[in-house]
C-alpha atoms as a PDB file:
ATOM      1  CA  ILE A   1       0.000   0.000   0.000  1.00  0.00           C
ATOM      2  CA  ASP A   2       1.381   3.404  -0.970  1.00  0.00           C
ATOM      3  CA  CYS A   3       1.303   5.454   2.231  1.00  0.00           C
ATOM      4  CA  GLY A   4       1.868   8.620   0.186  1.00  0.00           C
ATOM      5  CA  ILE A   5      -1.486   8.105  -1.521  1.00  0.00           C
ATOM      6  CA  TYR A   6      -3.594   6.326   1.083  1.00  0.00           C
ATOM      7  CA  GLY A   7      -2.116   7.518   4.377  1.00  0.00           C
ATOM      8  CA  SER A   8      -2.935  10.651   6.337  1.00  0.00           C
ATOM      9  CA  ARG A   9      -0.136  13.153   6.982  1.00  0.00           C
ATOM     10  CA  GLY A  10       0.292  11.695  10.458  1.00  0.00           C
ATOM     11  CA  GLN A  11       0.493   8.165   9.044  1.00  0.00           C
ATOM     12  CA  GLN A  12       2.993   9.288   6.416  1.00  0.00           C
ATOM     13  CA  ARG A  13       5.088  10.975   9.095  1.00  0.00           C
ATOM     14  CA  THR A  14       4.868   7.867  11.304  1.00  0.00           C
ATOM     15  CA  ALA A  15       6.015   5.608   8.450  1.00  0.00           C
ATOM     16  CA  ALA A  16       8.969   7.900   7.705  1.00  0.00           C
ATOM     17  CA  LEU A  17       9.911   8.036  11.403  1.00  0.00           C
ATOM     18  CA  SER A  18       9.704   4.248  11.683  1.00  0.00           C
ATOM     19  CA  LEU A  19      12.170   3.907   8.818  1.00  0.00           C
ATOM     20  CA  LYS A  20      14.452   6.548  10.354  1.00  0.00           C
ATOM     21  CA  LEU A  21      14.455   4.818  13.764  1.00  0.00           C
ATOM     22  CA  ALA A  22      15.130   1.439  12.112  1.00  0.00           C
ATOM     23  CA  GLU A  23      18.037   3.059  10.275  1.00  0.00           C
ATOM     24  CA  VAL A  24      19.437   4.307  13.599  1.00  0.00           C
ATOM     25  CA  ASP A  25      19.255   0.766  15.028  1.00  0.00           C
ATOM     26  CA  LEU A  26      20.954  -0.672  11.938  1.00  0.00           C
ATOM     27  CA  MET A  27      23.753   1.902  12.066  1.00  0.00           C
ATOM     28  CA  ARG A  28      24.281   1.310  15.798  1.00  0.00           C
ATOM     29  CA  ASN A  29      24.393  -2.476  15.291  1.00  0.00           C
ATOM     30  CA  GLU A  30      26.757  -2.260  12.309  1.00  0.00           C
ATOM     31  CA  THR A  31      29.202   0.322  13.668  1.00  0.00           C
ATOM     32  CA  GLY A  32      28.830   0.026  17.432  1.00  0.00           C
ATOM     33  CA  GLU A  33      28.335   3.792  17.568  1.00  0.00           C
ATOM     34  CA  GLN A  34      25.200   5.826  18.184  1.00  0.00           C
ATOM     35  CA  PRO A  35      24.418   8.180  15.287  1.00  0.00           C
ATOM     36  CA  VAL A  36      23.144  11.703  15.867  1.00  0.00           C
ATOM     37  CA  LEU A  37      19.447  11.768  14.995  1.00  0.00           C
ATOM     38  CA  LEU A  38      18.196  14.883  13.184  1.00  0.00           C
ATOM     39  CA  LEU A  39      14.421  15.427  13.313  1.00  0.00           C
ATOM     40  CA  ASP A  40      12.943  18.518  11.681  1.00  0.00           C
ATOM     41  CA  ASP A  41       9.563  19.563  13.134  1.00  0.00           C
ATOM     42  CA  VAL A  42       8.416  15.949  13.480  1.00  0.00           C
ATOM     43  CA  LEU A  43       6.025  16.379  16.393  1.00  0.00           C
ATOM     44  CA  SER A  44       3.694  18.961  14.854  1.00  0.00           C
ATOM     45  CA  GLU A  45       1.871  16.486  12.600  1.00  0.00           C
ATOM     46  CA  LEU A  46       1.579  13.635  15.097  1.00  0.00           C
ATOM     47  CA  ASP A  47      -1.353  12.974  17.402  1.00  0.00           C
ATOM     48  CA  GLU A  48      -0.741  12.821  21.155  1.00  0.00           C
ATOM     49  CA  HIS A  49      -0.336   9.029  21.212  1.00  0.00           C
ATOM     50  CA  ARG A  50       2.283   8.985  18.436  1.00  0.00           C
ATOM     51  CA  ARG A  51       4.047  12.011  19.933  1.00  0.00           C
ATOM     52  CA  SER A  52       4.315  10.274  23.329  1.00  0.00           C
ATOM     53  CA  PHE A  53       5.563   7.075  21.687  1.00  0.00           C
ATOM     54  CA  LEU A  54       8.263   8.932  19.750  1.00  0.00           C
ATOM     55  CA  VAL A  55       9.429  10.865  22.824  1.00  0.00           C
ATOM     56  CA  HIS A  56       9.540   7.631  24.851  1.00  0.00           C
ATOM     57  CA  THR A  57      11.539   5.952  22.062  1.00  0.00           C
ATOM     58  CA  LEU A  58      13.994   8.852  21.958  1.00  0.00           C
ATOM     59  CA  GLU A  59      14.397   8.863  25.741  1.00  0.00           C
ATOM     60  CA  ASN A  60      15.216   5.161  25.740  1.00  0.00           C
ATOM     61  CA  GLY A  61      17.251   4.762  22.588  1.00  0.00           C
ATOM     62  CA  ALA A  62      18.776   7.953  21.242  1.00  0.00           C
ATOM     63  CA  GLU A  63      21.918   9.178  22.929  1.00  0.00           C
ATOM     64  CA  GLN A  64      21.856  12.405  20.951  1.00  0.00           C
ATOM     65  CA  ALA A  65      19.042  13.912  18.918  1.00  0.00           C
ATOM     66  CA  ILE A  66      18.569  17.329  17.402  1.00  0.00           C
ATOM     67  CA  ILE A  67      14.892  18.223  17.125  1.00  0.00           C
ATOM     68  CA  THR A  68      13.577  21.407  15.551  1.00  0.00           C
ATOM     69  CA  THR A  69      10.146  22.859  16.206  1.00  0.00           C
ATOM     70  CA  THR A  70       8.227  26.052  15.636  1.00  0.00           C
ATOM     71  CA  ASP A  71       6.067  25.339  18.701  1.00  0.00           C
ATOM     72  CA  LEU A  72       7.835  24.298  21.896  1.00  0.00           C
ATOM     73  CA  HIS A  73       4.480  23.217  23.349  1.00  0.00           C
ATOM     74  CA  THR A  74       4.432  20.141  21.086  1.00  0.00           C
ATOM     75  CA  ILE A  75       7.301  18.684  23.133  1.00  0.00           C
ATOM     76  CA  PRO A  76       6.357  17.199  26.533  1.00  0.00           C
ATOM     77  CA  GLY A  77       7.762  19.112  29.499  1.00  0.00           C
ATOM     78  CA  ALA A  78       9.413  16.067  31.065  1.00  0.00           C
ATOM     79  CA  PHE A  79      11.414  15.567  27.860  1.00  0.00           C
ATOM     80  CA  LEU A  80      12.444  19.229  27.795  1.00  0.00           C
ATOM     81  CA  LYS A  81      13.889  19.015  31.308  1.00  0.00           C
ATOM     82  CA  GLY A  82      16.752  16.868  30.045  1.00  0.00           C
ATOM     83  CA  ALA A  83      17.300  18.867  26.864  1.00  0.00           C
ATOM     84  CA  HIS A  84      19.545  21.732  25.858  1.00  0.00           C
ATOM     85  CA  LEU A  85      17.278  24.316  24.223  1.00  0.00           C
ATOM     86  CA  TRP A  86      18.338  26.820  21.594  1.00  0.00           C
ATOM     87  CA  ARG A  87      16.369  29.478  19.727  1.00  0.00           C
ATOM     88  CA  VAL A  88      17.206  30.754  16.271  1.00  0.00           C
ATOM     89  CA  GLU A  89      15.722  34.187  15.686  1.00  0.00           C
ATOM     90  CA  MET A  90      16.687  36.634  12.966  1.00  0.00           C
ATOM     91  CA  GLY A  91      19.847  34.647  12.258  1.00  0.00           C
ATOM     92  CA  ARG A  92      20.994  34.606  15.887  1.00  0.00           C
ATOM     93  CA  LEU A  93      21.392  31.538  18.064  1.00  0.00           C
ATOM     94  CA  SER A  94      20.703  31.831  21.800  1.00  0.00           C
ATOM     95  CA  ARG A  95      20.358  29.344  24.638  1.00  0.00           C
ATOM     96  CA  ILE A  96      16.984  29.280  26.409  1.00  0.00           C
ATOM     97  CA  GLU A  97      15.632  27.534  29.480  1.00  0.00           C
ATOM     98  CA  ALA A  98      12.454  25.468  29.679  1.00  0.00           C
ATOM     99  CA  GLU A  99       9.990  27.337  31.872  1.00  0.00           C
ATOM    100  CA  GLY A 100       8.062  25.773  34.728  1.00  0.00           C
ATOM    101  CA  PRO A 101       7.480  22.151  35.740  1.00  0.00           C
ATOM    102  CA  GLY A 102       5.358  21.351  32.678  1.00  0.00           C
ATOM    103  CA  ALA A 103       7.354  23.353  30.158  1.00  0.00           C
ATOM    104  CA  GLY A 104       6.212  22.555  26.690  1.00  0.00           C
ATOM    105  CA  GLU A 105       2.967  20.930  27.830  1.00  0.00           C
END
């Protein structure tokens, strides 16, 4: 079944993420090293269940991931607590802190 034709945007995104996570496992098994995972605005098109699953997977399997987002609230606060946060605005990079106990939620 062609997910590009028959799948919703969330299903398409989930299929692409599944392949990306499988690729990470393959690279780790083949090289013995953990690759850096780059995810560009992946959480915005996922429902809450898929978002929670992805965050849980990252917490338990990715040593280093770079995740971009235009809306920090799509990332669960508990995940943000262990993250280094950076903002790019008008070509400038600055470090920011997650705010409050439920930052991002």
